[in-house]
C-alpha atoms as a PDB file:
ATOM      1  CA  MET A   1      16.165  -9.112 -23.724  1.00  0.00           C
ATOM      2  CA  THR A   2      13.054  -7.022 -24.276  1.00  0.00           C
ATOM      3  CA  GLN A   3      12.054  -3.402 -24.440  1.00  0.00           C
ATOM      4  CA  THR A   4      10.536  -3.722 -20.966  1.00  0.00           C
ATOM      5  CA  THR A   5      13.820  -4.266 -19.123  1.00  0.00           C
ATOM      6  CA  ARG A   6      14.236  -1.663 -16.399  1.00  0.00           C
ATOM      7  CA  PHE A   7      17.336  -0.663 -14.502  1.00  0.00           C
ATOM      8  CA  ALA A   8      17.664   0.333 -10.870  1.00  0.00           C
ATOM      9  CA  VAL A   9      20.583   1.422  -8.695  1.00  0.00           C
ATOM     10  CA  SER A  10      21.526   0.821  -5.098  1.00  0.00           C
ATOM     11  CA  ILE A  11      21.116   3.524  -2.475  1.00  0.00           C
ATOM     12  CA  PRO A  12      24.457   4.164  -0.761  1.00  0.00           C
ATOM     13  CA  GLN A  13      24.283   2.820   2.796  1.00  0.00           C
ATOM     14  CA  GLN A  14      27.841   2.040   3.823  1.00  0.00           C
ATOM     15  CA  TYR A  15      29.102   4.898   5.960  1.00  0.00           C
ATOM     16  CA  ALA A  16      31.514   4.735   8.851  1.00  0.00           C
ATOM     17  CA  ASP A  17      30.542   6.669  11.981  1.00  0.00           C
ATOM     18  CA  GLY A  18      30.345  10.389  11.204  1.00  0.00           C
ATOM     19  CA  THR A  19      31.112  10.136   7.474  1.00  0.00           C
ATOM     20  CA  PHE A  20      27.605  10.505   6.002  1.00  0.00           C
ATOM     21  CA  ASP A  21      27.453  13.459   3.604  1.00  0.00           C
ATOM     22  CA  PRO A  22      23.844  14.624   3.154  1.00  0.00           C
ATOM     23  CA  ALA A  23      24.604  16.800   0.129  1.00  0.00           C
ATOM     24  CA  ALA A  24      26.477  14.042  -1.702  1.00  0.00           C
ATOM     25  CA  PHE A  25      23.721  11.548  -0.915  1.00  0.00           C
ATOM     26  CA  ARG A  26      21.089  13.946  -2.229  1.00  0.00           C
ATOM     27  CA  ASP A  27      23.079  14.693  -5.390  1.00  0.00           C
ATOM     28  CA  TYR A  28      23.518  10.991  -6.135  1.00  0.00           C
ATOM     29  CA  LEU A  29      19.800  10.238  -5.877  1.00  0.00           C
ATOM     30  CA  ARG A  30      18.827  13.271  -7.930  1.00  0.00           C
ATOM     31  CA  ARG A  31      21.342  12.310 -10.596  1.00  0.00           C
ATOM     32  CA  ALA A  32      19.936   8.761 -10.713  1.00  0.00           C
ATOM     33  CA  GLU A  33      16.492  10.265 -11.229  1.00  0.00           C
ATOM     34  CA  GLU A  34      17.798  12.610 -13.919  1.00  0.00           C
ATOM     35  CA  LEU A  35      19.408   9.701 -15.770  1.00  0.00           C
ATOM     36  CA  GLY A  36      16.085   7.880 -15.918  1.00  0.00           C
ATOM     37  CA  PHE A  37      16.654   4.952 -13.574  1.00  0.00           C
ATOM     38  CA  HIS A  38      13.445   3.185 -12.585  1.00  0.00           C
ATOM     39  CA  SER A  39      14.207   2.931  -8.869  1.00  0.00           C
ATOM     40  CA  ALA A  40      16.813   2.974  -6.117  1.00  0.00           C
ATOM     41  CA  TRP A  41      17.073   0.220  -3.511  1.00  0.00           C
ATOM     42  CA  THR A  42      18.406  -0.418  -0.040  1.00  0.00           C
ATOM     43  CA  ARG A  43      19.278  -3.655   1.733  1.00  0.00           C
ATOM     44  CA  GLU A  44      18.822  -4.685   5.364  1.00  0.00           C
ATOM     45  CA  SER A  45      21.848  -5.620   7.462  1.00  0.00           C
ATOM     46  CA  VAL A  46      21.207  -5.168  11.167  1.00  0.00           C
ATOM     47  CA  LEU A  47      23.794  -7.686  12.374  1.00  0.00           C
ATOM     48  CA  ALA A  48      26.792  -9.149  10.540  1.00  0.00           C
ATOM     49  CA  PRO A  49      29.602 -11.592  11.404  1.00  0.00           C
ATOM     50  CA  ALA A  50      32.142  -8.746  11.095  1.00  0.00           C
ATOM     51  CA  PRO A  51      31.708  -4.992  11.575  1.00  0.00           C
ATOM     52  CA  LEU A  52      30.023  -3.553   8.474  1.00  0.00           C
ATOM     53  CA  PRO A  53      28.734   0.029   8.750  1.00  0.00           C
ATOM     54  CA  VAL A  54      25.345  -0.059   6.993  1.00  0.00           C
ATOM     55  CA  LEU A  55      22.550   2.483   7.489  1.00  0.00           C
ATOM     56  CA  GLY A  56      19.028   1.202   8.157  1.00  0.00           C
ATOM     57  CA  PRO A  57      16.942   0.628   5.017  1.00  0.00           C
ATOM     58  CA  MET A  58      13.715   2.371   6.018  1.00  0.00           C
ATOM     59  CA  GLU A  59      15.502   5.533   7.078  1.00  0.00           C
ATOM     60  CA  ALA A  60      17.697   5.575   3.961  1.00  0.00           C
ATOM     61  CA  MET A  61      14.640   5.066   1.718  1.00  0.00           C
ATOM     62  CA  THR A  62      12.772   7.865   3.466  1.00  0.00           C
ATOM     63  CA  TYR A  63      15.690  10.259   2.979  1.00  0.00           C
ATOM     64  CA  ALA A  64      15.999   9.172  -0.660  1.00  0.00           C
ATOM     65  CA  ALA A  65      12.293   9.728  -1.293  1.00  0.00           C
ATOM     66  CA  ALA A  66      12.549  13.231   0.191  1.00  0.00           C
ATOM     67  CA  CYS A  67      15.482  14.009  -2.144  1.00  0.00           C
ATOM     68  CA  THR A  68      13.608  13.014  -5.315  1.00  0.00           C
ATOM     69  CA  GLU A  69      10.282  13.453  -7.062  1.00  0.00           C
ATOM     70  CA  ARG A  70       9.833  10.551  -9.496  1.00  0.00           C
ATOM     71  CA  LEU A  71      12.388   7.898  -8.587  1.00  0.00           C
ATOM     72  CA  ARG A  72      10.861   4.857  -6.922  1.00  0.00           C
ATOM     73  CA  VAL A  73      12.521   3.567  -3.752  1.00  0.00           C
ATOM     74  CA  GLY A  74      12.661   0.036  -2.407  1.00  0.00           C
ATOM     75  CA  CYS A  75      14.287  -2.462  -0.074  1.00  0.00           C
ATOM     76  CA  ALA A  76      15.643  -5.793  -1.280  1.00  0.00           C
ATOM     77  CA  VAL A  77      15.029  -7.175   1.184  1.00  0.00           C
ATOM     78  CA  PHE A  78      13.624  -6.780   4.672  1.00  0.00           C
ATOM     79  CA  ILE A  79      14.178  -9.904   6.754  1.00  0.00           C
ATOM     80  CA  SER A  80      10.563  -9.735   7.796  1.00  0.00           C
ATOM     81  CA  THR A  81      10.698 -12.654  10.227  1.00  0.00           C
ATOM     82  CA  VAL A  82      12.650 -10.515  12.718  1.00  0.00           C
ATOM     83  CA  HIS A  83      10.195  -7.596  12.455  1.00  0.00           C
ATOM     84  CA  SER A  84       6.826  -7.069  14.045  1.00  0.00           C
ATOM     85  CA  PRO A  85       4.525  -7.217  11.003  1.00  0.00           C
ATOM     86  CA  LEU A  86       2.358  -4.490  12.525  1.00  0.00           C
ATOM     87  CA  HIS A  87       5.256  -2.073  12.905  1.00  0.00           C
ATOM     88  CA  LEU A  88       6.620  -2.951   9.473  1.00  0.00           C
ATOM     89  CA  ALA A  89       3.187  -2.561   7.860  1.00  0.00           C
ATOM     90  CA  LYS A  90       2.770   0.842   9.509  1.00  0.00           C
ATOM     91  CA  SER A  91       6.201   2.073   8.387  1.00  0.00           C
ATOM     92  CA  ILE A  92       5.574   0.898   4.835  1.00  0.00           C
ATOM     93  CA  SER A  93       2.153   2.543   4.691  1.00  0.00           C
ATOM     94  CA  THR A  94       3.612   5.767   6.034  1.00  0.00           C
ATOM     95  CA  LEU A  95       6.506   5.906   3.574  1.00  0.00           C
ATOM     96  CA  ASP A  96       4.205   5.057   0.676  1.00  0.00           C
ATOM     97  CA  GLN A  97       2.039   8.020   1.657  1.00  0.00           C
ATOM     98  CA  LEU A  98       5.026  10.342   2.132  1.00  0.00           C
ATOM     99  CA  SER A  99       6.475   9.377  -1.244  1.00  0.00           C
ATOM    100  CA  ARG A 100       3.081   9.585  -2.982  1.00  0.00           C
ATOM    101  CA  GLY A 101       3.145   5.952  -4.009  1.00  0.00           C
ATOM    102  CA  ARG A 102       6.782   5.470  -5.014  1.00  0.00           C
ATOM    103  CA  LEU A 103       7.570   2.559  -2.697  1.00  0.00           C
ATOM    104  CA  GLU A 104       8.598  -1.017  -3.571  1.00  0.00           C
ATOM    105  CA  VAL A 105       8.847  -3.625  -0.804  1.00  0.00           C
ATOM    106  CA  GLY A 106      10.974  -6.763  -0.710  1.00  0.00           C
ATOM    107  CA  VAL A 107      10.836  -9.361   2.063  1.00  0.00           C
ATOM    108  CA  ALA A 108      12.595 -12.652   2.701  1.00  0.00           C
ATOM    109  CA  LEU A 109      12.708 -15.382   5.284  1.00  0.00           C
ATOM    110  CA  GLY A 110      16.387 -14.901   6.107  1.00  0.00           C
ATOM    111  CA  GLY A 111      18.712 -17.341   7.802  1.00  0.00           C
ATOM    112  CA  ARG A 112      18.536 -18.759  11.285  1.00  0.00           C
ATOM    113  CA  ASP A 113      21.654 -17.032  12.605  1.00  0.00           C
ATOM    114  CA  ASN A 114      21.092 -14.334  15.229  1.00  0.00           C
ATOM    115  CA  LEU A 115      17.381 -15.142  15.653  1.00  0.00           C
ATOM    116  CA  ALA A 116      17.841 -15.276  19.429  1.00  0.00           C
ATOM    117  CA  GLY A 117      19.129 -11.723  19.357  1.00  0.00           C
ATOM    118  CA  PHE A 118      15.771 -10.625  17.960  1.00  0.00           C
ATOM    119  CA  GLY A 119      13.782 -12.779  20.379  1.00  0.00           C
ATOM    120  CA  VAL A 120      12.554 -15.023  17.556  1.00  0.00           C
ATOM    121  CA  SER A 121      12.400 -18.805  17.824  1.00  0.00           C
ATOM    122  CA  PRO A 122      13.540 -20.896  14.834  1.00  0.00           C
ATOM    123  CA  GLU A 123      10.494 -23.106  15.367  1.00  0.00           C
ATOM    124  CA  GLY A 124       7.850 -22.484  12.719  1.00  0.00           C
ATOM    125  CA  LEU A 125       9.943 -19.855  10.940  1.00  0.00           C
ATOM    126  CA  VAL A 126       8.360 -20.406   7.525  1.00  0.00           C
ATOM    127  CA  SER A 127       4.871 -20.192   9.036  1.00  0.00           C
ATOM    128  CA  ARG A 128       5.901 -17.002  10.838  1.00  0.00           C
ATOM    129  CA  PHE A 129       7.091 -15.555   7.533  1.00  0.00           C
ATOM    130  CA  THR A 130       3.948 -16.329   5.542  1.00  0.00           C
ATOM    131  CA  GLU A 131       1.613 -15.349   8.388  1.00  0.00           C
ATOM    132  CA  GLY A 132       3.451 -12.047   8.748  1.00  0.00           C
ATOM    133  CA  ILE A 133       2.892 -11.317   5.051  1.00  0.00           C
ATOM    134  CA  GLU A 134      -0.792 -12.174   5.411  1.00  0.00           C
ATOM    135  CA  LEU A 135      -1.128  -9.886   8.423  1.00  0.00           C
ATOM    136  CA  MET A 136       0.573  -6.967   6.654  1.00  0.00           C
ATOM    137  CA  LYS A 137      -1.701  -7.352   3.634  1.00  0.00           C
ATOM    138  CA  THR A 138      -4.703  -7.367   5.958  1.00  0.00           C
ATOM    139  CA  CYS A 139      -3.486  -4.149   7.594  1.00  0.00           C
ATOM    140  CA  TRP A 140      -3.054  -2.545   4.174  1.00  0.00           C
ATOM    141  CA  THR A 141      -6.389  -3.556   2.679  1.00  0.00           C
ATOM    142  CA  GLU A 142      -9.036  -4.126   5.349  1.00  0.00           C
ATOM    143  CA  PRO A 143     -10.866  -1.383   7.292  1.00  0.00           C
ATOM    144  CA  LYS A 144     -10.800  -3.593  10.405  1.00  0.00           C
ATOM    145  CA  VAL A 145      -7.884  -5.895  11.162  1.00  0.00           C
ATOM    146  CA  GLY A 146      -9.556  -9.006  12.492  1.00  0.00           C
ATOM    147  CA  PHE A 147      -6.741 -11.529  12.506  1.00  0.00           C
ATOM    148  CA  ASP A 148      -6.449 -14.768  14.450  1.00  0.00           C
ATOM    149  CA  GLY A 149      -3.225 -16.521  13.547  1.00  0.00           C
ATOM    150  CA  ARG A 150      -0.695 -18.847  15.110  1.00  0.00           C
ATOM    151  CA  PHE A 151       1.714 -16.046  16.013  1.00  0.00           C
ATOM    152  CA  TRP A 152      -0.429 -12.891  16.006  1.00  0.00           C
ATOM    153  CA  GLN A 153      -3.964 -12.050  17.084  1.00  0.00           C
ATOM    154  CA  VAL A 154      -5.237  -8.583  16.194  1.00  0.00           C
ATOM    155  CA  ASP A 155      -8.610  -6.906  16.571  1.00  0.00           C
ATOM    156  CA  ALA A 156      -8.035  -3.245  15.693  1.00  0.00           C
ATOM    157  CA  ALA A 157      -7.672  -0.831  12.776  1.00  0.00           C
ATOM    158  CA  MET A 158      -4.661   0.641  10.975  1.00  0.00           C
ATOM    159  CA  GLU A 159      -4.871   3.884   9.021  1.00  0.00           C
ATOM    160  CA  PRO A 160      -3.897   5.359   6.678  1.00  0.00           C
ATOM    161  CA  LYS A 161      -3.593   2.611   4.132  1.00  0.00           C
ATOM    162  CA  PRO A 162      -0.760   2.730   1.599  1.00  0.00           C
ATOM    163  CA  TYR A 163      -1.053   5.297  -1.167  1.00  0.00           C
ATOM    164  CA  GLN A 164      -0.773   2.509  -3.759  1.00  0.00           C
ATOM    165  CA  LYS A 165      -3.759   0.187  -3.967  1.00  0.00           C
ATOM    166  CA  PRO A 166      -4.087  -2.469  -2.795  1.00  0.00           C
ATOM    167  CA  HIS A 167      -0.531  -2.023  -1.491  1.00  0.00           C
ATOM    168  CA  PRO A 168       3.015  -1.372  -2.780  1.00  0.00           C
ATOM    169  CA  PRO A 169       4.487  -4.056  -5.060  1.00  0.00           C
ATOM    170  CA  LEU A 170       5.595  -6.924  -2.832  1.00  0.00           C
ATOM    171  CA  TRP A 171       8.756  -8.723  -3.890  1.00  0.00           C
ATOM    172  CA  ILE A 172       9.931 -11.911  -2.213  1.00  0.00           C
ATOM    173  CA  GLY A 173      13.537 -13.018  -2.229  1.00  0.00           C
ATOM    174  CA  GLY A 174      15.247 -16.291  -1.500  1.00  0.00           C
ATOM    175  CA  HIS A 175      17.640 -18.915  -2.797  1.00  0.00           C
ATOM    176  CA  LYS A 176      16.035 -22.336  -2.388  1.00  0.00           C
ATOM    177  CA  PRO A 177      13.287 -23.704  -4.657  1.00  0.00           C
ATOM    178  CA  ALA A 178      10.733 -23.587  -1.832  1.00  0.00           C
ATOM    179  CA  ALA A 179      11.461 -19.881  -1.320  1.00  0.00           C
ATOM    180  CA  VAL A 180      11.031 -19.199  -5.036  1.00  0.00           C
ATOM    181  CA  ARG A 181       7.679 -20.997  -5.039  1.00  0.00           C
ATOM    182  CA  ARG A 182       6.583 -18.961  -1.998  1.00  0.00           C
ATOM    183  CA  ALA A 183       7.322 -15.815  -3.982  1.00  0.00           C
ATOM    184  CA  VAL A 184       4.755 -16.823  -6.590  1.00  0.00           C
ATOM    185  CA  ARG A 185       2.184 -17.800  -3.971  1.00  0.00           C
ATOM    186  CA  HIS A 186       2.488 -14.713  -1.797  1.00  0.00           C
ATOM    187  CA  GLY A 187       4.146 -11.955  -3.815  1.00  0.00           C
ATOM    188  CA  ASP A 188       3.963  -9.759  -6.879  1.00  0.00           C
ATOM    189  CA  GLY A 189       7.535 -10.526  -7.923  1.00  0.00           C
ATOM    190  CA  PHE A 190      10.674 -12.533  -7.217  1.00  0.00           C
ATOM    191  CA  PHE A 191      13.942 -10.770  -6.363  1.00  0.00           C
ATOM    192  CA  GLY A 192      17.103 -12.755  -7.043  1.00  0.00           C
ATOM    193  CA  ALA A 193      19.931 -12.168  -4.596  1.00  0.00           C
ATOM    194  CA  GLY A 194      23.191 -10.511  -5.503  1.00  0.00           C
ATOM    195  CA  GLY A 195      25.044 -13.485  -4.090  1.00  0.00           C
ATOM    196  CA  ALA A 196      23.471 -15.843  -6.648  1.00  0.00           C
ATOM    197  CA  THR A 197      25.301 -16.567  -9.888  1.00  0.00           C
ATOM    198  CA  THR A 198      23.546 -15.877 -13.166  1.00  0.00           C
ATOM    199  CA  ALA A 199      23.266 -19.631 -13.740  1.00  0.00           C
ATOM    200  CA  ALA A 200      21.598 -20.120 -10.354  1.00  0.00           C
ATOM    201  CA  PHE A 201      19.268 -17.213 -11.080  1.00  0.00           C
ATOM    202  CA  ALA A 202      18.280 -18.789 -14.410  1.00  0.00           C
ATOM    203  CA  GLU A 203      17.292 -21.959 -12.548  1.00  0.00           C
ATOM    204  CA  GLN A 204      15.209 -19.882 -10.130  1.00  0.00           C
ATOM    205  CA  VAL A 205      13.440 -18.188 -13.030  1.00  0.00           C
ATOM    206  CA  GLY A 206      12.561 -21.630 -14.375  1.00  0.00           C
ATOM    207  CA  ILE A 207      10.946 -22.496 -11.044  1.00  0.00           C
ATOM    208  CA  VAL A 208       9.043 -19.193 -11.089  1.00  0.00           C
ATOM    209  CA  ARG A 209       7.640 -19.913 -14.550  1.00  0.00           C
ATOM    210  CA  ASP A 210       6.665 -23.462 -13.639  1.00  0.00           C
ATOM    211  CA  GLU A 211       4.905 -22.256 -10.507  1.00  0.00           C
ATOM    212  CA  LEU A 212       3.093 -19.489 -12.407  1.00  0.00           C
ATOM    213  CA  ALA A 213       1.820 -22.063 -14.901  1.00  0.00           C
ATOM    214  CA  ARG A 214       0.751 -24.375 -12.081  1.00  0.00           C
ATOM    215  CA  ALA A 215      -1.148 -21.533 -10.416  1.00  0.00           C
ATOM    216  CA  GLY A 216      -2.752 -20.409 -13.666  1.00  0.00           C
ATOM    217  CA  ARG A 217      -1.195 -16.952 -13.405  1.00  0.00           C
ATOM    218  CA  GLU A 218      -0.215 -14.899 -16.424  1.00  0.00           C
ATOM    219  CA  PRO A 219       3.587 -14.528 -16.592  1.00  0.00           C
ATOM    220  CA  GLY A 220       3.185 -10.822 -17.316  1.00  0.00           C
ATOM    221  CA  SER A 221       1.436 -10.338 -13.976  1.00  0.00           C
ATOM    222  CA  PHE A 222       4.556 -11.327 -12.043  1.00  0.00           C
ATOM    223  CA  ARG A 223       7.856  -9.466 -12.104  1.00  0.00           C
ATOM    224  CA  ILE A 224      11.369 -10.887 -11.862  1.00  0.00           C
ATOM    225  CA  ALA A 225      14.403  -8.938 -10.666  1.00  0.00           C
ATOM    226  CA  LYS A 226      18.000  -9.531  -9.671  1.00  0.00           C
ATOM    227  CA  ARG A 227      20.568  -7.558  -7.721  1.00  0.00           C
ATOM    228  CA  VAL A 228      23.851  -7.518  -9.631  1.00  0.00           C
ATOM    229  CA  TYR A 229      27.105  -6.421  -8.055  1.00  0.00           C
ATOM    230  CA  VAL A 230      28.789  -4.416 -10.775  1.00  0.00           C
ATOM    231  CA  SER A 231      31.992  -2.472 -11.330  1.00  0.00           C
ATOM    232  CA  VAL A 232      32.835  -0.742 -14.598  1.00  0.00           C
ATOM    233  CA  GLY A 233      36.593  -0.588 -15.026  1.00  0.00           C
ATOM    234  CA  ASP A 234      38.755  -1.551 -12.064  1.00  0.00           C
ATOM    235  CA  ASP A 235      37.177  -4.534 -10.322  1.00  0.00           C
ATOM    236  CA  GLN A 236      39.637  -4.912  -7.452  1.00  0.00           C
ATOM    237  CA  ARG A 237      37.763  -2.967  -4.775  1.00  0.00           C
ATOM    238  CA  ILE A 238      34.416  -4.673  -5.264  1.00  0.00           C
ATOM    239  CA  SER A 239      36.153  -8.048  -5.541  1.00  0.00           C
ATOM    240  CA  GLY A 240      37.720  -7.560  -2.129  1.00  0.00           C
ATOM    241  CA  ILE A 241      34.394  -6.640  -0.543  1.00  0.00           C
ATOM    242  CA  LEU A 242      32.554  -9.587  -2.085  1.00  0.00           C
ATOM    243  CA  GLN A 243      35.324 -11.962  -1.068  1.00  0.00           C
ATOM    244  CA  ARG A 244      34.923 -10.831   2.550  1.00  0.00           C
ATOM    245  CA  ILE A 245      31.120 -11.075   2.507  1.00  0.00           C
ATOM    246  CA  TYR A 246      30.489 -14.133   0.340  1.00  0.00           C
ATOM    247  CA  GLY A 247      33.891 -15.764   0.021  1.00  0.00           C
ATOM    248  CA  ASP A 248      33.410 -15.486  -3.757  1.00  0.00           C
ATOM    249  CA  ALA A 249      34.195 -12.486  -5.947  1.00  0.00           C
ATOM    250  CA  SER A 250      33.167 -14.217  -9.192  1.00  0.00           C
ATOM    251  CA  ILE A 251      29.512 -13.256  -8.653  1.00  0.00           C
ATOM    252  CA  ALA A 252      30.277  -9.670  -9.745  1.00  0.00           C
ATOM    253  CA  VAL A 253      29.823  -8.320 -13.252  1.00  0.00           C
ATOM    254  CA  ALA A 254      33.055  -6.367 -13.541  1.00  0.00           C
ATOM    255  CA  GLY A 255      35.674  -5.153 -15.953  1.00  0.00           C
ATOM    256  CA  PRO A 256      35.672  -3.020 -19.110  1.00  0.00           C
ATOM    257  CA  PRO A 257      32.298  -1.723 -20.346  1.00  0.00           C
ATOM    258  CA  GLU A 258      31.978  -4.470 -22.962  1.00  0.00           C
ATOM    259  CA  GLU A 259      32.447  -7.134 -20.274  1.00  0.00           C
ATOM    260  CA  CYS A 260      29.771  -5.502 -18.127  1.00  0.00           C
ATOM    261  CA  VAL A 261      27.416  -5.357 -21.104  1.00  0.00           C
ATOM    262  CA  ARG A 262      27.969  -9.065 -21.713  1.00  0.00           C
ATOM    263  CA  GLY A 263      27.402 -10.008 -18.069  1.00  0.00           C
ATOM    264  CA  LEU A 264      24.278  -7.896 -17.691  1.00  0.00           C
ATOM    265  CA  ARG A 265      22.862  -9.164 -20.974  1.00  0.00           C
ATOM    266  CA  GLU A 266      23.173 -12.701 -19.600  1.00  0.00           C
ATOM    267  CA  VAL A 267      21.196 -11.688 -16.501  1.00  0.00           C
ATOM    268  CA  ILE A 268      18.462 -10.157 -18.637  1.00  0.00           C
ATOM    269  CA  GLU A 269      18.334 -13.167 -20.952  1.00  0.00           C
ATOM    270  CA  ALA A 270      18.030 -15.377 -17.861  1.00  0.00           C
ATOM    271  CA  GLY A 271      14.716 -13.640 -17.161  1.00  0.00           C
ATOM    272  CA  ALA A 272      15.238 -10.392 -15.228  1.00  0.00           C
ATOM    273  CA  ASP A 273      12.885  -7.579 -16.213  1.00  0.00           C
ATOM    274  CA  LEU A 274      14.369  -5.356 -13.482  1.00  0.00           C
ATOM    275  CA  VAL A 275      18.126  -5.280 -12.909  1.00  0.00           C
ATOM    276  CA  LEU A 276      19.388  -3.668  -9.702  1.00  0.00           C
ATOM    277  CA  LEU A 277      22.928  -2.397 -10.309  1.00  0.00           C
ATOM    278  CA  ASP A 278      24.918  -2.368  -7.075  1.00  0.00           C
ATOM    279  CA  PRO A 279      28.500  -1.008  -7.307  1.00  0.00           C
ATOM    280  CA  MET A 280      28.937  -1.083  -3.490  1.00  0.00           C
ATOM    281  CA  VAL A 281      31.781   1.492  -3.750  1.00  0.00           C
ATOM    282  CA  ASP A 282      32.385   4.692  -5.742  1.00  0.00           C
ATOM    283  CA  GLU A 283      28.654   4.896  -6.463  1.00  0.00           C
ATOM    284  CA  PRO A 284      28.573   8.387  -8.081  1.00  0.00           C
ATOM    285  CA  GLU A 285      31.413   7.546 -10.471  1.00  0.00           C
ATOM    286  CA  GLN A 286      29.935   4.127 -11.272  1.00  0.00           C
ATOM    287  CA  LEU A 287      26.515   5.695 -11.881  1.00  0.00           C
ATOM    288  CA  GLU A 288      27.961   7.871 -14.635  1.00  0.00           C
ATOM    289  CA  LEU A 289      29.980   5.041 -16.182  1.00  0.00           C
ATOM    290  CA  LEU A 290      26.972   2.731 -16.235  1.00  0.00           C
ATOM    291  CA  ALA A 291      24.722   5.370 -17.794  1.00  0.00           C
ATOM    292  CA  ALA A 292      27.264   6.413 -20.438  1.00  0.00           C
ATOM    293  CA  ASP A 293      29.147   3.242 -21.320  1.00  0.00           C
ATOM    294  CA  VAL A 294      26.990   0.224 -20.441  1.00  0.00           C
ATOM    295  CA  LEU A 295      23.240   0.790 -20.438  1.00  0.00           C
ATOM    296  CA  PRO A 296      22.960   2.289 -23.956  1.00  0.00           C
ATOM    297  CA  ALA A 297      24.216  -1.006 -25.374  1.00  0.00           C
ATOM    298  CA  LEU A 298      21.529  -2.894 -23.437  1.00  0.00           C
ATOM    299  CA  GLN A 299      18.676  -0.605 -24.407  1.00  0.00           C
ATOM    300  CA  ASN A 300      19.189  -0.715 -28.176  1.00  0.00           C
END
């Protein structure tokens, strides 16, 4: 663990129809900013095997940015293969301008389920993913978008560019070794999934470091993060949710404060310089417990 470890929190997104409370949402984000968290993050979940009420990430980030002044906002991750890279690039540029450069962007390949619903063929999915990243970077950095790819051909311009230059930090997520290596080749950081165990994450970090050495990149130029499902105190509610989603509740860091400190320290020692704390439920209460009873022990 080092002095540079930063902590982030999830942006509440799970709201049943008609239950969103704007004032409570605003208070939560402002409190996270007041407590000194580095950033607040959404996730993307357009379709799911079972009904799961989740707000869209771009809209939730935009609302969060409007509620705060310093807190950075991000998405971990957009499944960019099911997006038009032009539309996604435009939305990202716009939000980076609106937030005055407080945006972080995560993308991932995603699975092959539901691709037909988005009109996307599974053929050439990895090429689609990497070409989409290349096209977005071109939109963000070049005055004229002259692009002739396998999937997209563009001869036009996109303005304004992102507020951050050359573009917002680009994180890439994934589970398999090939996905981790792609993160080093195409991104500014790797974002470990919440569904990965700490041991699996440690193996991914090893791949990141090997790939950085192979590419001749300085390790300090590349960031490593992990989403951690966490519950200080009673772990029953989050365990039930994770069991339904992943079929495995053991991926959570949960229990008394000292147990949470131990679990989070293991994540940091595995290589995370940014830890995204995701309680999934009771976010305002968990925010206070984490800030008072857990994080001080990790920052000493």
